[in-house]
């Protein structure tokens, strides 16, 4: 696995039924500030091989160098997130690796027989894919590092390092 997924886990992703409640719980334990995108359509996404453009609210913060992502799906459009909640789950959903060589990592994943469950390009910002490793339902997100994603990730990490508890929820848009 180390040969396919480079480096450390950079993000833990949680799928939640109520984004604001989840943010509140994380703030109570000292994680923040949270950068939020609300009810945004994710265009050009593919779920289990079929086009689906789910509407999501997403929030990001950091705990040290580890990014925490909270995702709340809206509506009934199929997605890996909606599927997770419909199965009666809420909470930790995926771990993410951020990669410079997206094509190379995805070729390695295909060679290992891992299944791409969902993929997209973030509206042209960066390619990503959720893959099922076939080990107890573990989902791994592979996200392409670009100037945009690196800049956003640095901004979120730096804000968390300097956070004094004020202004816990901030709009990313």
N, C-alpha and C. Protein backbone atom coordinates (compact mmCIF):
# COMPACT_ATOMS: atom_id res chain seq x y z
N UNK A 1 0.83 -1.18 0.00
CA UNK A 1 0.00 0.00 0.00
C UNK A 1 0.87 1.24 0.00
N UNK A 2 1.98 1.24 0.69
CA UNK A 2 2.85 2.40 0.74
C UNK A 2 3.33 2.78 -0.64
N UNK A 3 3.49 1.81 -1.53
CA UNK A 3 3.94 2.10 -2.88
C UNK A 3 2.88 2.79 -3.72
N UNK A 4 1.61 2.65 -3.36
CA UNK A 4 0.53 3.27 -4.15
C UNK A 4 0.11 4.60 -3.55
N UNK A 5 -0.09 4.63 -2.24
CA UNK A 5 -0.56 5.84 -1.56
C UNK A 5 0.64 6.54 -0.91
N UNK A 6 1.08 7.64 -1.48
CA UNK A 6 2.28 8.29 -0.99
C UNK A 6 2.04 9.11 0.27
N UNK A 7 3.01 9.13 1.15
CA UNK A 7 2.97 10.01 2.30
C UNK A 7 1.96 9.62 3.35
N UNK A 8 1.65 10.60 4.18
CA UNK A 8 0.76 10.40 5.32
C UNK A 8 -0.68 10.71 4.96
N UNK A 9 -1.61 10.21 5.77
CA UNK A 9 -3.00 10.63 5.67
C UNK A 9 -3.04 12.12 5.98
N UNK A 10 -3.65 12.89 5.10
CA UNK A 10 -3.68 14.35 5.27
C UNK A 10 -5.03 14.85 5.77
N UNK A 11 -6.07 14.00 5.64
CA UNK A 11 -7.41 14.46 6.01
C UNK A 11 -8.25 13.29 6.49
N UNK A 12 -9.05 13.54 7.52
CA UNK A 12 -10.11 12.63 7.91
C UNK A 12 -11.42 13.29 7.51
N UNK A 13 -12.24 12.57 6.76
CA UNK A 13 -13.51 13.10 6.31
C UNK A 13 -14.67 12.45 7.04
N UNK A 14 -15.60 13.28 7.48
CA UNK A 14 -16.78 12.83 8.21
C UNK A 14 -18.01 13.21 7.41
N UNK A 15 -18.96 12.29 7.30
CA UNK A 15 -20.25 12.59 6.69
C UNK A 15 -21.24 12.73 7.84
N UNK A 16 -21.95 13.85 7.84
CA UNK A 16 -22.81 14.18 8.96
C UNK A 16 -24.21 14.58 8.48
N UNK A 17 -25.24 14.32 9.29
CA UNK A 17 -26.60 14.74 8.90
C UNK A 17 -26.87 16.21 9.16
N UNK A 18 -26.07 16.86 10.04
CA UNK A 18 -26.29 18.25 10.40
C UNK A 18 -24.94 18.94 10.54
N UNK A 19 -24.55 19.69 9.52
CA UNK A 19 -23.23 20.32 9.49
C UNK A 19 -23.02 21.28 10.67
N UNK A 20 -24.01 22.11 10.94
CA UNK A 20 -23.85 23.09 12.01
C UNK A 20 -23.67 22.42 13.37
N UNK A 21 -24.40 21.36 13.62
CA UNK A 21 -24.24 20.63 14.88
C UNK A 21 -22.86 20.00 14.97
N UNK A 22 -22.39 19.43 13.88
CA UNK A 22 -21.06 18.82 13.88
C UNK A 22 -19.98 19.87 14.12
N UNK A 23 -20.10 21.02 13.48
CA UNK A 23 -19.13 22.10 13.70
C UNK A 23 -19.14 22.50 15.18
N UNK A 24 -20.32 22.67 15.73
CA UNK A 24 -20.45 23.05 17.13
C UNK A 24 -19.74 22.05 18.05
N UNK A 25 -19.90 20.77 17.77
CA UNK A 25 -19.26 19.73 18.58
C UNK A 25 -17.73 19.81 18.48
N UNK A 26 -17.21 20.03 17.28
CA UNK A 26 -15.76 20.15 17.10
C UNK A 26 -15.23 21.41 17.77
N UNK A 27 -15.96 22.51 17.67
CA UNK A 27 -15.52 23.75 18.31
C UNK A 27 -15.45 23.55 19.83
N UNK A 28 -16.40 22.82 20.38
CA UNK A 28 -16.43 22.57 21.83
C UNK A 28 -15.19 21.82 22.31
N UNK A 29 -14.56 21.05 21.43
CA UNK A 29 -13.34 20.34 21.84
C UNK A 29 -12.08 21.09 21.39
N UNK A 30 -12.26 22.30 20.84
CA UNK A 30 -11.13 23.15 20.53
C UNK A 30 -10.63 23.13 19.11
N UNK A 31 -11.39 22.55 18.18
CA UNK A 31 -10.97 22.52 16.78
C UNK A 31 -11.70 23.63 16.02
N UNK A 32 -10.93 24.46 15.34
CA UNK A 32 -11.49 25.55 14.57
C UNK A 32 -10.37 26.46 14.12
N UNK A 33 -10.68 27.49 13.38
CA UNK A 33 -11.99 27.86 12.87
C UNK A 33 -12.38 26.96 11.69
N UNK A 34 -13.65 27.01 11.36
CA UNK A 34 -14.20 26.21 10.27
C UNK A 34 -14.49 27.10 9.06
N UNK A 35 -14.02 26.65 7.90
CA UNK A 35 -14.28 27.33 6.64
C UNK A 35 -15.38 26.55 5.93
N UNK A 36 -16.47 27.22 5.57
CA UNK A 36 -17.69 26.55 5.14
C UNK A 36 -18.12 26.97 3.74
N UNK A 37 -18.53 25.98 2.96
CA UNK A 37 -19.26 26.18 1.70
C UNK A 37 -20.63 25.55 1.91
N UNK A 38 -21.68 26.31 1.69
CA UNK A 38 -23.03 25.81 1.95
C UNK A 38 -23.80 25.52 0.67
N UNK A 39 -24.45 24.37 0.66
CA UNK A 39 -25.37 23.93 -0.39
C UNK A 39 -24.86 24.26 -1.79
N UNK A 40 -23.70 23.69 -2.09
CA UNK A 40 -23.04 23.91 -3.37
C UNK A 40 -23.17 22.65 -4.23
N UNK A 41 -23.62 22.83 -5.47
CA UNK A 41 -23.72 21.69 -6.38
C UNK A 41 -22.32 21.30 -6.84
N UNK A 42 -22.03 20.02 -6.73
CA UNK A 42 -20.75 19.47 -7.17
C UNK A 42 -20.94 18.96 -8.60
N UNK A 43 -20.54 19.73 -9.56
CA UNK A 43 -20.79 19.38 -10.96
C UNK A 43 -19.75 18.40 -11.49
N UNK A 44 -20.15 17.67 -12.50
CA UNK A 44 -19.28 16.71 -13.19
C UNK A 44 -18.71 15.66 -12.25
N UNK A 45 -19.55 15.16 -11.37
CA UNK A 45 -19.14 14.10 -10.46
C UNK A 45 -19.74 12.78 -10.96
N UNK A 46 -19.01 11.71 -10.75
CA UNK A 46 -19.48 10.40 -11.15
C UNK A 46 -19.52 9.49 -9.93
N UNK A 47 -20.69 8.89 -9.70
CA UNK A 47 -20.89 7.97 -8.58
C UNK A 47 -21.21 6.60 -9.16
N UNK A 48 -20.35 5.64 -8.86
CA UNK A 48 -20.49 4.27 -9.36
C UNK A 48 -20.71 4.25 -10.88
N UNK A 49 -19.94 5.11 -11.56
CA UNK A 49 -19.93 5.14 -13.02
C UNK A 49 -21.00 5.99 -13.67
N UNK A 50 -21.94 6.51 -12.88
CA UNK A 50 -23.03 7.32 -13.44
C UNK A 50 -22.86 8.77 -13.02
N UNK A 51 -23.19 9.68 -13.91
CA UNK A 51 -23.11 11.11 -13.62
C UNK A 51 -24.10 11.46 -12.51
N UNK A 52 -23.63 12.18 -11.53
CA UNK A 52 -24.47 12.67 -10.44
C UNK A 52 -23.85 13.95 -9.92
N UNK A 53 -24.66 14.97 -9.75
CA UNK A 53 -24.17 16.26 -9.28
C UNK A 53 -24.81 16.57 -7.92
N UNK A 54 -24.30 15.96 -6.86
CA UNK A 54 -24.92 16.16 -5.54
C UNK A 54 -24.74 17.58 -5.02
N UNK A 55 -25.65 17.98 -4.17
CA UNK A 55 -25.57 19.26 -3.49
C UNK A 55 -25.05 18.98 -2.08
N UNK A 56 -23.97 19.67 -1.71
CA UNK A 56 -23.30 19.42 -0.43
C UNK A 56 -23.04 20.72 0.31
N UNK A 57 -23.01 20.61 1.63
CA UNK A 57 -22.42 21.64 2.48
C UNK A 57 -21.17 21.00 3.06
N UNK A 58 -20.06 21.74 3.01
CA UNK A 58 -18.77 21.19 3.43
C UNK A 58 -18.07 22.21 4.33
N UNK A 59 -17.40 21.69 5.36
CA UNK A 59 -16.62 22.56 6.24
C UNK A 59 -15.26 21.91 6.47
N UNK A 60 -14.22 22.77 6.59
CA UNK A 60 -12.87 22.28 6.81
C UNK A 60 -12.23 23.03 7.97
N UNK A 61 -11.44 22.29 8.76
CA UNK A 61 -10.58 22.88 9.77
C UNK A 61 -9.38 21.96 9.90
N UNK A 62 -8.48 22.31 10.79
CA UNK A 62 -7.30 21.47 11.04
C UNK A 62 -7.13 21.22 12.52
N UNK A 63 -6.57 20.07 12.82
CA UNK A 63 -6.05 19.75 14.14
C UNK A 63 -4.59 19.43 13.90
N UNK A 64 -3.71 20.37 14.19
CA UNK A 64 -2.31 20.22 13.80
C UNK A 64 -2.21 20.21 12.29
N UNK A 65 -1.48 19.24 11.75
CA UNK A 65 -1.36 19.14 10.29
C UNK A 65 -2.47 18.32 9.66
N UNK A 66 -3.32 17.68 10.47
CA UNK A 66 -4.41 16.85 9.95
C UNK A 66 -5.65 17.71 9.70
N UNK A 67 -6.12 17.68 8.45
CA UNK A 67 -7.33 18.41 8.11
C UNK A 67 -8.54 17.56 8.45
N UNK A 68 -9.56 18.22 8.98
CA UNK A 68 -10.84 17.58 9.27
C UNK A 68 -11.84 18.16 8.28
N UNK A 69 -12.56 17.29 7.60
CA UNK A 69 -13.58 17.72 6.63
C UNK A 69 -14.92 17.17 7.10
N UNK A 70 -15.94 18.03 7.11
CA UNK A 70 -17.30 17.64 7.44
C UNK A 70 -18.16 17.83 6.19
N UNK A 71 -18.95 16.82 5.84
CA UNK A 71 -19.76 16.87 4.61
C UNK A 71 -21.20 16.51 4.95
N UNK A 72 -22.12 17.39 4.57
CA UNK A 72 -23.54 17.12 4.70
C UNK A 72 -24.17 17.13 3.32
N UNK A 73 -24.68 15.98 2.85
CA UNK A 73 -25.38 15.97 1.56
C UNK A 73 -26.79 16.53 1.71
N UNK A 74 -27.28 17.16 0.65
CA UNK A 74 -28.65 17.68 0.62
C UNK A 74 -29.37 17.03 -0.55
N UNK A 75 -30.65 16.77 -0.39
CA UNK A 75 -31.44 16.20 -1.47
C UNK A 75 -31.17 14.72 -1.66
N UNK A 76 -31.64 14.20 -2.79
CA UNK A 76 -31.59 12.76 -3.03
C UNK A 76 -30.63 12.33 -4.14
N UNK A 77 -29.83 13.25 -4.66
CA UNK A 77 -28.92 12.86 -5.73
C UNK A 77 -27.90 11.85 -5.21
N UNK A 78 -27.67 10.80 -5.96
CA UNK A 78 -26.76 9.75 -5.49
C UNK A 78 -25.33 10.26 -5.29
N UNK A 79 -24.71 9.78 -4.22
CA UNK A 79 -23.32 10.09 -3.94
C UNK A 79 -22.82 9.10 -2.89
N UNK A 80 -21.51 9.06 -2.74
CA UNK A 80 -20.90 8.22 -1.72
C UNK A 80 -21.33 8.69 -0.33
N UNK A 81 -21.63 9.97 -0.19
CA UNK A 81 -22.04 10.54 1.10
C UNK A 81 -23.48 10.15 1.42
N UNK A 82 -24.38 10.30 0.45
CA UNK A 82 -25.78 9.93 0.63
C UNK A 82 -25.88 8.43 0.93
N UNK A 83 -25.11 7.63 0.21
CA UNK A 83 -25.10 6.17 0.42
C UNK A 83 -24.68 5.83 1.86
N UNK A 84 -23.70 6.54 2.36
CA UNK A 84 -23.19 6.32 3.72
C UNK A 84 -24.27 6.60 4.75
N UNK A 85 -24.95 7.75 4.64
CA UNK A 85 -26.02 8.08 5.57
C UNK A 85 -27.20 7.13 5.44
N UNK A 86 -27.55 6.76 4.19
CA UNK A 86 -28.68 5.86 3.97
C UNK A 86 -28.44 4.48 4.57
N UNK A 87 -27.18 4.09 4.70
CA UNK A 87 -26.84 2.80 5.31
C UNK A 87 -26.88 2.88 6.84
N UNK A 88 -27.27 4.04 7.38
CA UNK A 88 -27.38 4.19 8.82
C UNK A 88 -26.11 4.64 9.50
N UNK A 89 -25.15 5.10 8.71
CA UNK A 89 -23.87 5.56 9.27
C UNK A 89 -23.86 7.08 9.38
N UNK A 90 -23.02 7.57 10.27
CA UNK A 90 -22.67 8.98 10.36
C UNK A 90 -21.33 9.01 11.07
N UNK A 91 -20.46 9.92 10.66
CA UNK A 91 -19.15 10.01 11.28
C UNK A 91 -18.04 9.77 10.28
N UNK A 92 -16.95 9.16 10.76
CA UNK A 92 -15.77 8.99 9.91
C UNK A 92 -16.15 8.22 8.65
N UNK A 93 -15.80 8.79 7.52
CA UNK A 93 -16.18 8.23 6.23
C UNK A 93 -14.96 7.85 5.39
N UNK A 94 -13.94 8.72 5.40
CA UNK A 94 -12.78 8.45 4.56
C UNK A 94 -11.52 9.07 5.15
N UNK A 95 -10.41 8.58 4.66
CA UNK A 95 -9.12 9.22 4.89
C UNK A 95 -8.62 9.66 3.52
N UNK A 96 -7.90 10.77 3.50
CA UNK A 96 -7.47 11.32 2.22
C UNK A 96 -5.96 11.43 2.13
N UNK A 97 -5.46 11.14 0.95
CA UNK A 97 -4.07 11.34 0.58
C UNK A 97 -4.05 12.42 -0.48
N UNK A 98 -3.16 13.39 -0.35
CA UNK A 98 -3.02 14.46 -1.33
C UNK A 98 -1.80 14.15 -2.17
N UNK A 99 -1.97 14.14 -3.49
CA UNK A 99 -0.92 13.62 -4.35
C UNK A 99 -0.55 14.58 -5.47
N UNK A 100 0.73 14.58 -5.81
CA UNK A 100 1.21 15.35 -6.96
C UNK A 100 0.95 14.62 -8.27
N UNK A 101 1.08 13.29 -8.26
CA UNK A 101 0.94 12.47 -9.45
C UNK A 101 -0.38 11.70 -9.41
N UNK A 102 -1.48 12.42 -9.64
CA UNK A 102 -2.81 11.81 -9.57
C UNK A 102 -2.93 10.62 -10.53
N UNK A 103 -2.50 10.80 -11.78
CA UNK A 103 -2.62 9.72 -12.77
C UNK A 103 -1.83 8.49 -12.35
N UNK A 104 -0.63 8.68 -11.83
CA UNK A 104 0.19 7.55 -11.39
C UNK A 104 -0.43 6.81 -10.21
N UNK A 105 -0.95 7.56 -9.24
CA UNK A 105 -1.59 6.92 -8.08
C UNK A 105 -2.84 6.17 -8.51
N UNK A 106 -3.62 6.76 -9.40
CA UNK A 106 -4.84 6.09 -9.85
C UNK A 106 -4.52 4.85 -10.69
N UNK A 107 -3.44 4.88 -11.45
CA UNK A 107 -3.02 3.69 -12.19
C UNK A 107 -2.62 2.59 -11.21
N UNK A 108 -1.91 2.95 -10.15
CA UNK A 108 -1.56 1.99 -9.12
C UNK A 108 -2.77 1.41 -8.42
N UNK A 109 -3.76 2.26 -8.16
CA UNK A 109 -5.00 1.80 -7.52
C UNK A 109 -5.74 0.81 -8.42
N UNK A 110 -5.80 1.12 -9.72
CA UNK A 110 -6.45 0.21 -10.67
C UNK A 110 -5.70 -1.11 -10.73
N UNK A 111 -4.37 -1.04 -10.75
CA UNK A 111 -3.55 -2.25 -10.78
C UNK A 111 -3.73 -3.12 -9.54
N UNK A 112 -4.05 -2.47 -8.41
CA UNK A 112 -4.28 -3.21 -7.16
C UNK A 112 -5.70 -3.76 -7.08
N UNK A 113 -6.52 -3.42 -8.06
CA UNK A 113 -7.90 -3.91 -8.07
C UNK A 113 -8.85 -3.10 -7.22
N UNK A 114 -8.45 -1.90 -6.83
CA UNK A 114 -9.32 -1.07 -6.02
C UNK A 114 -10.43 -0.47 -6.89
N UNK A 115 -11.60 -0.33 -6.35
CA UNK A 115 -12.75 0.16 -7.08
C UNK A 115 -12.95 1.65 -6.86
N UNK A 116 -13.07 2.40 -7.95
CA UNK A 116 -13.41 3.81 -7.83
C UNK A 116 -14.91 3.90 -7.59
N UNK A 117 -15.28 4.48 -6.45
CA UNK A 117 -16.68 4.60 -6.08
C UNK A 117 -17.25 5.92 -6.56
N UNK A 118 -16.45 6.98 -6.46
CA UNK A 118 -16.89 8.31 -6.88
C UNK A 118 -15.68 9.09 -7.33
N UNK A 119 -15.88 9.96 -8.31
CA UNK A 119 -14.78 10.78 -8.79
C UNK A 119 -15.32 12.08 -9.37
N UNK A 120 -14.41 13.04 -9.50
CA UNK A 120 -14.79 14.32 -10.08
C UNK A 120 -13.56 15.18 -10.25
N UNK A 121 -13.81 16.44 -10.62
CA UNK A 121 -12.67 17.34 -10.82
C UNK A 121 -12.83 18.65 -10.06
N UNK A 122 -13.75 18.68 -9.09
CA UNK A 122 -13.90 19.88 -8.27
C UNK A 122 -14.17 21.14 -9.07
N UNK A 123 -14.94 21.02 -10.13
CA UNK A 123 -15.22 22.19 -10.96
C UNK A 123 -13.99 22.70 -11.70
N UNK A 124 -13.05 21.80 -11.98
CA UNK A 124 -11.83 22.16 -12.68
C UNK A 124 -10.68 22.56 -11.76
N UNK A 125 -10.91 22.52 -10.44
CA UNK A 125 -9.88 22.91 -9.48
C UNK A 125 -8.86 21.81 -9.27
N UNK A 126 -9.34 20.57 -9.08
CA UNK A 126 -8.45 19.43 -8.84
C UNK A 126 -9.24 18.14 -8.98
N UNK A 127 -8.59 17.14 -9.53
CA UNK A 127 -9.24 15.84 -9.66
C UNK A 127 -9.19 15.12 -8.31
N UNK A 128 -10.20 14.30 -8.07
CA UNK A 128 -10.23 13.49 -6.86
C UNK A 128 -11.00 12.21 -7.15
N UNK A 129 -10.75 11.20 -6.35
CA UNK A 129 -11.46 9.94 -6.47
C UNK A 129 -11.55 9.30 -5.09
N UNK A 130 -12.68 8.67 -4.84
CA UNK A 130 -12.85 7.84 -3.65
C UNK A 130 -12.71 6.40 -4.11
N UNK A 131 -11.80 5.68 -3.48
CA UNK A 131 -11.57 4.28 -3.86
C UNK A 131 -11.83 3.37 -2.68
N UNK A 132 -12.38 2.22 -2.98
CA UNK A 132 -12.63 1.18 -1.98
C UNK A 132 -11.49 0.19 -2.06
N UNK A 133 -10.75 0.09 -0.96
CA UNK A 133 -9.60 -0.80 -0.93
C UNK A 133 -9.99 -2.26 -0.74
N UNK A 134 -11.26 -2.50 -0.43
CA UNK A 134 -11.71 -3.86 -0.20
C UNK A 134 -11.29 -4.41 1.15
N UNK A 135 -11.03 -3.52 2.11
CA UNK A 135 -10.65 -3.96 3.45
C UNK A 135 -11.62 -3.39 4.47
N UNK A 136 -12.76 -4.04 4.62
CA UNK A 136 -13.71 -3.64 5.64
C UNK A 136 -14.41 -2.33 5.37
N UNK A 137 -14.64 -2.00 4.12
CA UNK A 137 -15.38 -0.79 3.80
C UNK A 137 -14.58 0.49 3.87
N UNK A 138 -13.28 0.40 4.07
CA UNK A 138 -12.46 1.60 4.14
C UNK A 138 -12.48 2.32 2.80
N UNK A 139 -12.79 3.61 2.86
CA UNK A 139 -12.77 4.44 1.66
C UNK A 139 -11.56 5.37 1.77
N UNK A 140 -10.85 5.49 0.68
CA UNK A 140 -9.70 6.39 0.62
C UNK A 140 -9.97 7.42 -0.46
N UNK A 141 -9.76 8.67 -0.12
CA UNK A 141 -9.85 9.73 -1.12
C UNK A 141 -8.44 10.04 -1.61
N UNK A 142 -8.30 10.12 -2.91
CA UNK A 142 -7.06 10.55 -3.53
C UNK A 142 -7.38 11.91 -4.15
N UNK A 143 -6.70 12.96 -3.68
CA UNK A 143 -6.94 14.30 -4.19
C UNK A 143 -5.67 14.87 -4.80
N UNK A 144 -5.83 15.40 -5.99
CA UNK A 144 -4.72 16.01 -6.71
C UNK A 144 -4.31 17.33 -6.06
N UNK A 145 -3.04 17.46 -5.79
CA UNK A 145 -2.52 18.74 -5.29
C UNK A 145 -2.29 19.67 -6.47
N UNK A 146 -2.91 20.83 -6.40
CA UNK A 146 -2.71 21.89 -7.39
C UNK A 146 -2.38 23.17 -6.61
N UNK A 147 -2.07 24.22 -7.31
CA UNK A 147 -1.81 25.49 -6.61
C UNK A 147 -3.03 25.91 -5.81
N UNK A 148 -4.22 25.70 -6.37
CA UNK A 148 -5.46 26.09 -5.67
C UNK A 148 -5.68 25.26 -4.42
N UNK A 149 -5.52 23.94 -4.53
CA UNK A 149 -5.77 23.10 -3.35
C UNK A 149 -4.70 23.31 -2.29
N UNK A 150 -3.46 23.48 -2.71
CA UNK A 150 -2.40 23.74 -1.73
C UNK A 150 -2.65 25.07 -1.01
N UNK A 151 -3.05 26.09 -1.75
CA UNK A 151 -3.33 27.39 -1.15
C UNK A 151 -4.47 27.32 -0.14
N UNK A 152 -5.54 26.63 -0.51
CA UNK A 152 -6.67 26.49 0.41
C UNK A 152 -6.27 25.69 1.65
N UNK A 153 -5.57 24.59 1.45
CA UNK A 153 -5.17 23.75 2.58
C UNK A 153 -4.22 24.51 3.52
N UNK A 154 -3.31 25.28 2.96
CA UNK A 154 -2.40 26.09 3.78
C UNK A 154 -3.17 27.15 4.57
N UNK A 155 -4.13 27.79 3.92
CA UNK A 155 -4.94 28.82 4.59
C UNK A 155 -5.69 28.24 5.78
N UNK A 156 -6.29 27.07 5.60
CA UNK A 156 -7.06 26.43 6.66
C UNK A 156 -6.14 26.00 7.81
N UNK A 157 -5.02 25.39 7.47
CA UNK A 157 -4.05 24.94 8.49
C UNK A 157 -3.51 26.12 9.29
N UNK A 158 -3.11 27.19 8.59
CA UNK A 158 -2.53 28.35 9.26
C UNK A 158 -3.56 29.04 10.16
N UNK A 159 -4.81 29.12 9.72
CA UNK A 159 -5.85 29.74 10.55
C UNK A 159 -6.06 28.94 11.83
N UNK A 160 -6.00 27.61 11.73
CA UNK A 160 -6.18 26.77 12.91
C UNK A 160 -5.02 26.96 13.89
N UNK A 161 -3.82 27.09 13.37
CA UNK A 161 -2.65 27.29 14.24
C UNK A 161 -2.75 28.59 15.02
N UNK A 162 -3.35 29.60 14.42
CA UNK A 162 -3.42 30.93 15.03
C UNK A 162 -4.75 31.20 15.72
N UNK A 163 -5.67 30.23 15.71
CA UNK A 163 -7.03 30.46 16.19
C UNK A 163 -7.07 30.69 17.69
N UNK A 164 -7.77 31.75 18.09
CA UNK A 164 -7.90 32.10 19.50
C UNK A 164 -9.31 31.82 20.05
N UNK A 165 -10.11 31.09 19.29
CA UNK A 165 -11.46 30.75 19.72
C UNK A 165 -12.53 31.69 19.22
N UNK A 166 -12.13 32.81 18.62
CA UNK A 166 -13.12 33.74 18.10
C UNK A 166 -13.45 33.42 16.65
N UNK A 167 -14.60 33.90 16.20
CA UNK A 167 -15.02 33.74 14.80
C UNK A 167 -14.87 32.28 14.36
N UNK A 168 -15.60 31.34 14.99
CA UNK A 168 -15.38 29.92 14.72
C UNK A 168 -15.87 29.41 13.38
N UNK A 169 -16.81 30.13 12.74
CA UNK A 169 -17.35 29.69 11.44
C UNK A 169 -17.15 30.83 10.45
N UNK A 170 -16.46 30.49 9.34
CA UNK A 170 -16.13 31.49 8.32
C UNK A 170 -16.55 30.96 6.95
N UNK A 171 -17.08 31.84 6.14
CA UNK A 171 -17.49 31.46 4.79
C UNK A 171 -16.24 31.32 3.91
N UNK A 172 -16.20 30.26 3.13
CA UNK A 172 -15.08 30.07 2.21
C UNK A 172 -15.31 30.79 0.89
N UNK A 173 -16.55 31.04 0.56
CA UNK A 173 -16.84 31.68 -0.73
C UNK A 173 -16.52 33.15 -0.75
